Amino acid sequence: MARIKEDYRSLTGPQKAAIMMLSIGEEQAGKLFAMMEDDEIKELSQIMANLGTVGANLVERLFVDFADAISNTGSLVGSFESTHRLLLKSLDKDRVNMIMEEIRGPAGRTMWDKLGNVHEQVLANYLKNEYPQTVAVVMSKIKPDHASRVLALLPEGFAMEVVMRMLHMEAVQKDVLESVEKTLRTEFMSNLARTARRDSHEMMAEIFNSLDRNTEARFLTALEERNREAAEKIKALMFTFEDLIRLDAAGAQTLLRTVEKDKLAVALKGASDPIKDLFFQNMSERAGKMLRDDMEAVGPVRLKDVEEAQNAIVALTKELSNSGQIQISEGKDDDELVY
């Protein structure tokens, strides 16, 4: 395969996108692919497959330029906000708001397609406050595998009520279906769209969090030289393994019940004493002894493996936080408890 030239200026936009996808790792790239159309995936995959060897300097230049571009308000960056302002020049406000909420929401041509792309935990949190009959209608309209995951997250008694309604449900009348769709669009999808607005610095913080430590430090140092304010905002938004110290006892115990123990043993090999204490203090003496034995048993561990384990635990912590199962304090004075 041909080698990409070290001349950054010779790269096309699709080539830059391909290099970016290969650089951010399988998990993050998978999330981006999930939001693309089939034609886009095919085009990008073809370019990725034929990239050849890409120099480290070129990759670094790409990341720094990307971070700088989306953090610099003087750059031309297409966003929901700029699109919203443009539409207001020619359309009335209500119509613009309706259009923007549609495109901010999950992908899909119909309401049920869109609903099928909503994370099961988010959908379950909304539906558990609805009538069982309404939930039964929704469950009957989305794909079975998605419906099963949502059903499993509903309170058991409520879920059984929904199951019974579905078993005895006849053909749903058109006006009932339209009423459910309207409620979902006005109450659920519109709120989901509004909460989906993302700050560019927050997005970059997530990307930087997924890099290995050396690459992350390199990019941040380079970005500080070009845009110190953007670099500081990104660093403030990044959540690292050491930030787990912001978990309270209940949060630490919830994380301990969820995390893979072998992954925790590897992650703690490279952790500071305060982080180790956070976990051991929230475990029984027997569980703590078993974890220490596991840490000794794994022996010397590559730094790369430690970082991968720590990143996986950070990702799990964010998932638990987003679903409301744990709380992460901001580390400010007003977060302290008073007894």
Protein backbone atom coordinates (compact mmCIF):
# COMPACT_ATOMS: atom_id res chain seq x y z
CA MET A 1 0.00 0.00 0.00
CA ALA A 2 1.15 3.53 -0.74
CA ARG A 3 2.49 5.63 2.08
CA ILE A 4 0.69 8.87 2.84
CA LYS A 5 3.08 11.77 2.32
CA GLU A 6 4.25 13.67 5.36
CA ASP A 7 2.97 16.86 3.70
CA TYR A 8 -0.15 17.64 5.75
CA ARG A 9 -1.43 20.03 3.09
CA SER A 10 -1.75 17.22 0.57
CA LEU A 11 -4.34 15.34 2.65
CA THR A 12 -7.96 15.43 1.49
CA GLY A 13 -10.84 15.86 3.92
CA PRO A 14 -11.86 12.16 3.71
CA GLN A 15 -8.23 11.12 4.33
CA LYS A 16 -8.11 13.30 7.43
CA ALA A 17 -11.36 11.72 8.63
CA ALA A 18 -9.96 8.24 8.01
CA ILE A 19 -6.79 8.98 10.00
CA MET A 20 -8.88 10.42 12.82
CA MET A 21 -11.06 7.29 12.99
CA LEU A 22 -8.01 5.01 13.13
CA SER A 23 -6.41 7.17 15.83
CA ILE A 24 -9.23 7.39 18.37
CA GLY A 25 -9.60 3.65 18.99
CA GLU A 26 -12.22 1.01 18.23
CA GLU A 27 -14.78 1.99 20.87
CA GLN A 28 -14.95 5.69 19.97
CA ALA A 29 -14.75 5.00 16.23
CA GLY A 30 -17.61 2.51 16.57
CA LYS A 31 -19.82 5.17 18.13
CA LEU A 32 -19.11 7.52 15.21
CA PHE A 33 -19.75 4.81 12.61
CA ALA A 34 -23.11 4.11 14.26
CA MET A 35 -24.20 7.66 13.42
CA MET A 36 -23.20 7.47 9.73
CA GLU A 37 -25.11 6.41 6.63
CA ASP A 38 -24.04 3.21 4.85
CA ASP A 39 -22.57 5.14 1.90
CA GLU A 40 -20.45 7.25 4.25
CA ILE A 41 -19.19 4.15 6.06
CA LYS A 42 -18.26 2.46 2.78
CA GLU A 43 -16.39 5.53 1.48
CA LEU A 44 -14.51 6.07 4.73
CA SER A 45 -13.71 2.36 5.14
CA GLN A 46 -12.25 2.23 1.63
CA ILE A 47 -9.94 5.14 2.40
CA MET A 48 -8.95 3.67 5.80
CA ALA A 49 -8.07 0.35 4.17
CA ASN A 50 -5.71 2.06 1.71
CA LEU A 51 -4.02 4.60 3.96
CA GLY A 52 -0.81 2.68 4.46
CA THR A 53 1.64 3.94 7.10
CA VAL A 54 0.89 7.40 8.49
CA GLY A 55 3.67 9.30 10.24
CA ALA A 56 3.27 10.23 13.93
CA ASN A 57 3.96 13.90 13.18
CA LEU A 58 1.14 13.99 10.65
CA VAL A 59 -1.30 12.39 13.12
CA GLU A 60 -0.32 14.89 15.80
CA ARG A 61 -0.75 17.82 13.40
CA LEU A 62 -4.23 16.54 12.46
CA PHE A 63 -5.40 16.30 16.08
CA VAL A 64 -4.03 19.68 17.06
CA ASP A 65 -5.61 21.37 14.02
CA PHE A 66 -8.93 19.64 14.71
CA ALA A 67 -8.96 20.65 18.37
CA ASP A 68 -7.95 24.18 17.49
CA ALA A 69 -10.58 24.50 14.76
CA ILE A 70 -13.58 23.43 16.83
CA SER A 71 -12.41 25.44 19.85
CA ASN A 72 -11.71 28.67 17.95
CA THR A 73 -14.86 30.72 17.47
CA GLY A 74 -13.17 32.55 14.62
CA SER A 75 -13.07 29.40 12.50
CA LEU A 76 -15.85 28.37 10.15
CA VAL A 77 -17.40 25.39 11.90
CA GLY A 78 -20.83 24.06 11.02
CA SER A 79 -22.86 23.59 14.19
CA PHE A 80 -26.44 23.44 15.39
CA GLU A 81 -26.14 26.98 16.72
CA SER A 82 -24.85 28.50 13.45
CA THR A 83 -27.47 26.56 11.47
CA HIS A 84 -30.18 27.77 13.86
CA ARG A 85 -29.15 31.40 13.36
CA LEU A 86 -29.10 30.97 9.57
CA LEU A 87 -32.59 29.42 9.44
CA LEU A 88 -33.99 32.27 11.54
CA LYS A 89 -33.07 34.65 8.72
CA SER A 90 -35.70 33.11 6.43
CA LEU A 91 -38.15 31.06 8.55
CA ASP A 92 -40.39 31.83 11.51
CA LYS A 93 -39.12 30.96 14.97
CA ASP A 94 -41.60 28.13 15.74
CA ARG A 95 -40.82 26.34 12.48
CA VAL A 96 -37.07 26.70 13.01
CA ASN A 97 -37.34 25.30 16.55
CA MET A 98 -39.31 22.32 15.28
CA ILE A 99 -36.75 21.62 12.53
CA MET A 100 -33.78 21.92 14.89
CA GLU A 101 -35.34 19.65 17.51
CA GLU A 102 -35.96 17.06 14.81
CA ILE A 103 -32.35 17.02 13.61
CA ARG A 104 -30.92 17.20 17.14
CA GLY A 105 -32.88 14.12 18.15
CA PRO A 106 -31.98 10.51 17.33
CA ALA A 107 -31.66 9.48 13.68
CA GLY A 108 -34.62 7.90 11.90
CA ARG A 109 -37.30 8.75 9.37
CA THR A 110 -40.32 7.94 11.54
CA MET A 111 -40.91 8.51 15.24
CA TRP A 112 -40.51 4.77 15.86
CA ASP A 113 -37.22 4.67 13.93
CA LYS A 114 -35.96 7.55 16.06
CA LEU A 115 -37.14 5.85 19.24
CA GLY A 116 -35.23 2.73 18.25
CA ASN A 117 -32.00 4.75 18.36
CA VAL A 118 -32.55 6.06 21.88
CA HIS A 119 -30.42 4.33 24.53
CA GLU A 120 -32.49 1.77 26.44
CA GLN A 121 -31.67 3.31 29.85
CA VAL A 122 -32.83 6.76 28.72
CA LEU A 123 -36.03 5.35 27.21
CA ALA A 124 -36.76 3.19 30.27
CA ASN A 125 -36.31 6.18 32.61
CA TYR A 126 -38.97 8.06 30.64
CA LEU A 127 -41.43 5.19 30.14
CA LYS A 128 -41.49 4.08 33.79
CA ASN A 129 -43.54 7.21 34.54
CA GLU A 130 -46.11 6.54 31.79
CA TYR A 131 -49.28 4.42 31.83
CA PRO A 132 -48.64 0.68 31.22
CA GLN A 133 -50.96 0.79 28.18
CA THR A 134 -48.93 3.61 26.63
CA VAL A 135 -45.69 1.72 27.27
CA ALA A 136 -47.24 -1.41 25.73
CA VAL A 137 -47.97 0.54 22.53
CA VAL A 138 -44.39 1.82 22.40
CA MET A 139 -42.95 -1.65 23.05
CA SER A 140 -45.05 -3.09 20.23
CA LYS A 141 -43.77 -0.51 17.74
CA ILE A 142 -39.99 -0.69 18.31
CA LYS A 143 -37.71 -3.58 17.39
CA PRO A 144 -37.99 -6.66 19.65
CA ASP A 145 -34.32 -6.67 20.72
CA HIS A 146 -34.51 -3.02 21.76
CA ALA A 147 -37.87 -3.57 23.48
CA SER A 148 -36.40 -6.47 25.47
CA ARG A 149 -33.56 -4.31 26.80
CA VAL A 150 -35.96 -1.52 27.77
CA LEU A 151 -38.37 -3.99 29.43
CA ALA A 152 -35.54 -5.47 31.51
CA LEU A 153 -34.76 -2.02 32.94
CA LEU A 154 -38.33 -1.22 34.03
CA PRO A 155 -39.44 -1.95 37.63
CA GLU A 156 -40.46 -5.62 37.73
CA GLY A 157 -44.10 -5.12 38.74
CA PHE A 158 -44.59 -2.35 36.20
CA ALA A 159 -42.89 -4.43 33.49
CA MET A 160 -45.31 -7.30 34.11
CA GLU A 161 -48.25 -4.90 33.76
CA VAL A 162 -46.83 -3.87 30.39
CA VAL A 163 -46.39 -7.51 29.34
CA MET A 164 -50.02 -8.30 30.23
CA ARG A 165 -51.24 -5.29 28.23
CA MET A 166 -49.18 -6.42 25.25
CA LEU A 167 -50.55 -9.97 25.45
CA HIS A 168 -54.12 -8.72 25.33
CA MET A 169 -53.57 -5.79 23.00
CA GLU A 170 -55.61 -5.73 19.81
CA ALA A 171 -54.88 -3.56 16.75
CA VAL A 172 -54.07 -0.06 17.98
CA GLN A 173 -56.50 2.53 16.65
CA LYS A 174 -55.00 5.22 14.45
CA ASP A 175 -56.03 8.12 16.68
CA VAL A 176 -54.51 6.41 19.75
CA LEU A 177 -51.26 5.79 17.88
CA GLU A 178 -51.14 9.40 16.68
CA SER A 179 -51.75 10.61 20.24
CA VAL A 180 -48.87 8.51 21.58
CA GLU A 181 -46.60 9.75 18.76
CA LYS A 182 -47.52 13.36 19.48
CA THR A 183 -46.80 12.94 23.20
CA LEU A 184 -43.45 11.32 22.48
CA ARG A 185 -42.52 14.08 20.04
CA THR A 186 -43.52 17.01 22.24
CA GLU A 187 -42.57 15.69 25.68
CA PHE A 188 -39.76 13.20 25.17
CA MET A 189 -37.98 13.80 21.86
CA SER A 190 -37.94 17.59 22.21
CA ASN A 191 -36.41 17.34 25.71
CA LEU A 192 -33.95 14.71 24.47
CA ALA A 193 -32.93 16.99 21.61
CA ARG A 194 -32.37 19.94 23.91
CA THR A 195 -30.18 17.89 26.26
CA ALA A 196 -28.24 16.50 23.28
CA ARG A 197 -26.59 19.85 22.56
CA ARG A 198 -22.87 19.39 23.08
CA ASP A 199 -20.11 21.82 23.76
CA SER A 200 -17.11 21.40 21.43
CA HIS A 201 -14.69 21.47 24.36
CA GLU A 202 -16.65 18.66 26.06
CA MET A 203 -16.41 16.57 22.89
CA MET A 204 -12.65 17.14 22.68
CA ALA A 205 -12.28 16.25 26.37
CA GLU A 206 -13.89 12.85 25.69
CA ILE A 207 -11.60 12.26 22.70
CA PHE A 208 -8.51 13.24 24.70
CA ASN A 209 -9.64 10.97 27.54
CA SER A 210 -9.49 8.03 25.12
CA LEU A 211 -5.88 8.68 24.10
CA ASP A 212 -2.94 7.06 25.84
CA ARG A 213 -1.22 9.30 28.41
CA ASN A 214 1.80 10.19 26.28
CA THR A 215 -0.27 11.16 23.23
CA GLU A 216 -2.74 13.06 25.40
CA ALA A 217 0.08 15.06 27.04
CA ARG A 218 1.65 15.77 23.64
CA PHE A 219 -1.58 17.08 22.14
CA LEU A 220 -2.45 19.20 25.16
CA THR A 221 1.02 20.73 25.22
CA ALA A 222 0.81 21.56 21.51
CA LEU A 223 -2.70 22.95 21.92
CA GLU A 224 -1.62 25.13 24.85
CA GLU A 225 0.94 26.77 22.58
CA ARG A 226 -1.71 27.61 20.00
CA ASN A 227 -4.81 28.20 22.10
CA ARG A 228 -4.18 28.19 25.87
CA GLU A 229 -7.79 29.06 26.74
CA ALA A 230 -9.18 26.11 24.77
CA ALA A 231 -6.60 23.76 26.30
CA GLU A 232 -7.51 24.86 29.82
CA LYS A 233 -11.25 24.34 29.14
CA ILE A 234 -10.58 20.85 27.79
CA LYS A 235 -8.39 19.90 30.76
CA ALA A 236 -11.08 21.10 33.17
CA LEU A 237 -13.67 18.88 31.46
CA MET A 238 -11.54 15.74 31.27
CA PHE A 239 -12.42 13.02 33.76
CA THR A 240 -9.52 10.74 34.60
CA PHE A 241 -9.03 7.67 36.76
CA GLU A 242 -7.63 9.87 39.54
CA ASP A 243 -10.88 11.87 39.48
CA LEU A 244 -12.64 8.83 40.96
CA ILE A 245 -11.64 10.35 44.29
CA ARG A 246 -14.72 12.58 43.77
CA LEU A 247 -17.00 9.56 44.31
CA ASP A 248 -18.75 9.27 47.65
CA ALA A 249 -18.91 5.96 49.54
CA ALA A 250 -22.22 4.93 47.94
CA GLY A 251 -20.85 5.68 44.48
CA ALA A 252 -17.66 3.74 45.10
CA GLN A 253 -19.65 0.74 46.32
CA THR A 254 -21.94 0.86 43.27
CA LEU A 255 -18.90 0.96 41.00
CA LEU A 256 -17.34 -1.97 42.88
CA ARG A 257 -20.48 -4.06 42.34
CA THR A 258 -20.36 -3.36 38.59
CA VAL A 259 -16.69 -3.35 37.64
CA GLU A 260 -14.81 -6.44 36.46
CA LYS A 261 -12.53 -7.44 39.34
CA ASP A 262 -9.61 -8.52 37.15
CA LYS A 263 -9.74 -5.15 35.37
CA LEU A 264 -9.77 -3.34 38.72
CA ALA A 265 -6.72 -5.27 39.91
CA VAL A 266 -4.76 -4.15 36.84
CA ALA A 267 -6.04 -0.55 37.04
CA LEU A 268 -5.02 -0.17 40.69
CA LYS A 269 -1.46 -1.27 39.92
CA GLY A 270 -0.82 2.22 38.60
CA ALA A 271 -3.13 4.18 40.89
CA SER A 272 -2.24 6.67 43.61
CA ASP A 273 -2.66 5.74 47.28
CA PRO A 274 -5.81 7.90 47.72
CA ILE A 275 -7.53 6.04 44.87
CA LYS A 276 -6.47 2.67 46.25
CA ASP A 277 -7.80 3.71 49.66
CA LEU A 278 -11.12 4.78 48.09
CA PHE A 279 -11.73 1.23 46.87
CA PHE A 280 -10.30 -0.71 49.81
CA GLN A 281 -12.19 1.39 52.38
CA ASN A 282 -15.46 0.57 50.65
CA MET A 283 -14.85 -3.19 50.56
CA SER A 284 -15.14 -5.83 53.21
CA GLU A 285 -11.88 -7.00 54.75
CA ARG A 286 -12.17 -10.33 52.93
CA ALA A 287 -12.88 -8.70 49.55
CA GLY A 288 -10.00 -6.29 50.09
CA LYS A 289 -7.61 -9.17 50.81
CA MET A 290 -8.75 -10.99 47.67
CA LEU A 291 -8.18 -7.86 45.56
CA ARG A 292 -4.68 -7.38 47.01
CA ASP A 293 -3.92 -11.03 46.25
CA ASP A 294 -5.14 -10.51 42.67
CA MET A 295 -2.93 -7.44 42.31
CA GLU A 296 0.11 -9.40 43.47
CA ALA A 297 -0.77 -12.37 41.30
CA VAL A 298 -0.80 -10.38 38.05
CA GLY A 299 2.81 -9.35 38.64
CA PRO A 300 4.44 -6.61 36.53
CA VAL A 301 1.95 -5.04 34.10
CA ARG A 302 2.62 -2.97 30.99
CA LEU A 303 1.73 0.71 31.34
CA LYS A 304 -0.48 0.39 28.25
CA ASP A 305 -2.54 -2.37 29.93
CA VAL A 306 -2.92 -0.30 33.11
CA GLU A 307 -4.14 2.70 31.12
CA GLU A 308 -6.61 0.56 29.15
CA ALA A 309 -8.04 -0.88 32.37
CA GLN A 310 -8.28 2.57 33.95
CA ASN A 311 -9.97 4.03 30.85
CA ALA A 312 -12.52 1.20 30.87
CA ILE A 313 -13.36 1.93 34.52
CA VAL A 314 -13.64 5.67 33.77
CA ALA A 315 -16.05 4.87 30.91
CA LEU A 316 -18.10 2.63 33.22
CA THR A 317 -18.20 5.40 35.85
CA LYS A 318 -19.54 7.86 33.28
CA GLU A 319 -22.24 5.38 32.23
CA LEU A 320 -23.33 4.90 35.83
CA SER A 321 -23.32 8.67 36.34
CA ASN A 322 -25.34 9.33 33.18
CA SER A 323 -27.96 6.78 34.24
CA GLY A 324 -28.21 8.37 37.70
CA GLN A 325 -26.85 5.37 39.59
CA ILE A 326 -23.93 7.32 41.05
CA GLN A 327 -23.06 10.97 41.58
CA ILE A 328 -19.71 12.60 40.88
CA SER A 329 -19.05 15.74 42.88
CA GLU A 330 -17.49 18.74 41.20
CA GLY A 331 -14.80 18.87 43.86
CA LYS A 332 -15.87 22.30 45.08
CA ASP A 333 -16.32 23.50 48.65
CA ASP A 334 -20.09 23.58 48.33
CA ASP A 335 -20.07 19.83 47.53
CA GLU A 336 -18.80 19.00 51.02
CA LEU A 337 -21.21 17.37 53.45
CA VAL A 338 -22.03 19.10 56.74
CA TYR A 339 -22.90 16.93 59.75
